[in-house]
């Protein structure tokens, strides 16, 4: 349903945006696991997963904090990405950026423990180190 200014209703809610980001998180972990299979060297693979986990942790903090701040600053006027045409003024893009940053932050919040679990799984499976006690 659209209002007179073409904004799609009902308005977004924080819990719905966070839930969608949390649903995207396991798919991102699976994609990271598949991407790590294309890194051939064992040491490079563990480094790749550790860096991806660290980057995801930083993105989780930044995305959630900035997204919640933008959400608060908008005062309830939160718009979907498809409402981009209705944005007016210099502060208008913040109304679209708030849910995007929050969703990315929650996705990264799910991704970073998954990346570190993959890192420790790959590190433990490296060249029989668990078998020979290396």
Protein backbone atom coordinates (compact mmCIF):
# COMPACT_ATOMS: atom_id res chain seq x y z
CA UNK A 1 0.00 0.00 0.00
CA UNK A 2 1.36 3.41 -0.94
CA UNK A 3 0.65 6.74 0.70
CA UNK A 4 0.15 10.08 -1.00
CA UNK A 5 3.93 10.61 -1.21
CA UNK A 6 4.49 7.11 -2.72
CA UNK A 7 6.14 5.62 0.38
CA UNK A 8 5.41 1.92 0.75
CA UNK A 9 3.53 1.05 3.94
CA UNK A 10 3.76 -0.50 6.50
CA UNK A 11 6.95 1.15 7.70
CA UNK A 12 10.01 -0.92 8.50
CA UNK A 13 10.58 -2.05 12.08
CA UNK A 14 13.95 -2.67 13.70
CA UNK A 15 13.19 -6.27 14.62
CA UNK A 16 12.11 -7.13 11.06
CA UNK A 17 15.24 -5.58 9.57
CA UNK A 18 17.46 -7.37 12.11
CA UNK A 19 15.66 -10.68 11.53
CA UNK A 20 16.24 -10.47 7.79
CA UNK A 21 19.93 -9.72 8.37
CA UNK A 22 20.15 -12.71 10.70
CA UNK A 23 18.57 -14.89 7.99
CA UNK A 24 21.14 -13.72 5.46
CA UNK A 25 24.01 -14.53 7.86
CA UNK A 26 24.07 -18.35 7.47
CA UNK A 27 23.99 -17.95 3.70
CA UNK A 28 27.02 -15.66 4.00
CA UNK A 29 28.84 -18.26 6.13
CA UNK A 30 28.09 -20.93 3.53
CA UNK A 31 29.32 -18.63 0.76
CA UNK A 32 32.51 -17.92 2.73
CA UNK A 33 33.09 -21.66 3.18
CA UNK A 34 32.71 -22.25 -0.55
CA UNK A 35 34.98 -19.30 -1.35
CA UNK A 36 37.66 -20.66 0.98
CA UNK A 37 37.80 -23.86 -1.08
CA UNK A 38 39.26 -21.82 -3.94
CA UNK A 39 42.29 -20.82 -1.82
CA UNK A 40 44.75 -23.64 -2.42
CA UNK A 41 47.44 -23.24 0.26
CA UNK A 42 46.46 -24.30 3.78
CA UNK A 43 48.13 -21.35 5.50
CA UNK A 44 46.58 -18.90 3.04
CA UNK A 45 43.15 -20.45 3.60
CA UNK A 46 43.37 -20.07 7.38
CA UNK A 47 44.62 -16.50 6.96
CA UNK A 48 41.76 -15.75 4.55
CA UNK A 49 39.17 -17.03 7.02
CA UNK A 50 40.73 -15.17 9.95
CA UNK A 51 40.82 -11.90 8.01
CA UNK A 52 37.23 -12.40 6.83
CA UNK A 53 36.17 -13.00 10.44
CA UNK A 54 37.97 -9.89 11.66
CA UNK A 55 36.50 -7.79 8.87
CA UNK A 56 33.03 -9.15 9.66
CA UNK A 57 33.46 -8.26 13.34
CA UNK A 58 34.41 -4.69 12.44
CA UNK A 59 31.50 -4.42 10.00
CA UNK A 60 29.11 -5.73 12.66
CA UNK A 61 30.10 -3.04 15.13
CA UNK A 62 30.08 -0.22 12.60
CA UNK A 63 26.94 -1.34 10.79
CA UNK A 64 24.85 -1.85 13.91
CA UNK A 65 25.97 1.31 15.71
CA UNK A 66 25.72 3.63 12.70
CA UNK A 67 22.49 1.99 11.51
CA UNK A 68 20.84 2.42 14.92
CA UNK A 69 22.08 6.01 15.14
CA UNK A 70 20.67 6.81 11.70
CA UNK A 71 17.41 5.08 12.66
CA UNK A 72 17.18 7.25 15.77
CA UNK A 73 18.12 10.41 13.84
CA UNK A 74 15.40 9.82 11.25
CA UNK A 75 12.69 9.98 13.87
CA UNK A 76 10.54 7.21 12.43
CA UNK A 77 10.80 8.19 8.76
CA UNK A 78 12.54 4.99 7.64
CA UNK A 79 12.28 4.02 3.97
CA UNK A 80 13.00 0.94 1.94
CA UNK A 81 15.55 0.93 -0.87
CA UNK A 82 12.73 0.89 -3.41
CA UNK A 83 11.48 4.18 -1.91
CA UNK A 84 14.65 5.92 -3.11
CA UNK A 85 12.61 7.98 -5.60
CA UNK A 86 10.74 9.61 -2.73
CA UNK A 87 13.86 10.94 -1.00
CA UNK A 88 14.04 14.72 -0.87
CA UNK A 89 16.76 16.98 0.52
CA UNK A 90 20.29 16.35 1.72
CA UNK A 91 19.32 14.37 4.82
CA UNK A 92 16.93 12.11 2.91
CA UNK A 93 19.40 9.34 1.98
CA UNK A 94 19.90 8.63 5.69
CA UNK A 95 16.31 7.35 5.80
CA UNK A 96 17.31 4.64 3.31
CA UNK A 97 20.79 4.01 4.73
CA UNK A 98 19.58 3.24 8.27
CA UNK A 99 17.93 -0.13 7.51
CA UNK A 100 20.64 -1.06 5.02
CA UNK A 101 23.44 -0.52 7.55
CA UNK A 102 21.52 -2.27 10.30
CA UNK A 103 20.86 -5.31 8.09
CA UNK A 104 24.52 -5.48 7.01
CA UNK A 105 25.63 -5.15 10.62
CA UNK A 106 23.44 -8.02 11.81
CA UNK A 107 24.54 -10.14 8.83
CA UNK A 108 28.16 -9.51 9.81
CA UNK A 109 27.32 -10.29 13.43
CA UNK A 110 26.26 -13.78 12.32
CA UNK A 111 29.13 -14.09 9.83
CA UNK A 112 32.06 -13.41 12.15
CA UNK A 113 31.60 -16.37 14.54
CA UNK A 114 30.94 -18.57 11.51
CA UNK A 115 34.16 -17.38 9.89
CA UNK A 116 36.18 -18.04 13.03
CA UNK A 117 34.61 -21.49 13.41
CA UNK A 118 35.59 -22.26 9.82
CA UNK A 119 39.08 -20.92 10.56
CA UNK A 120 39.56 -23.25 13.54
CA UNK A 121 38.03 -26.16 11.65
CA UNK A 122 40.42 -25.68 8.72
CA UNK A 123 43.36 -25.04 11.04
CA UNK A 124 42.66 -28.25 12.98
CA UNK A 125 42.40 -30.27 9.79
CA UNK A 126 45.71 -29.01 8.44
CA UNK A 127 47.99 -31.76 7.22
CA UNK A 128 47.16 -34.21 9.99
CA UNK A 129 48.29 -31.94 12.80
CA UNK A 130 45.66 -33.40 15.10
CA UNK A 131 46.81 -36.90 14.19
CA UNK A 132 50.52 -36.43 14.76
CA UNK A 133 50.43 -33.90 17.59
CA UNK A 134 52.23 -31.15 15.64
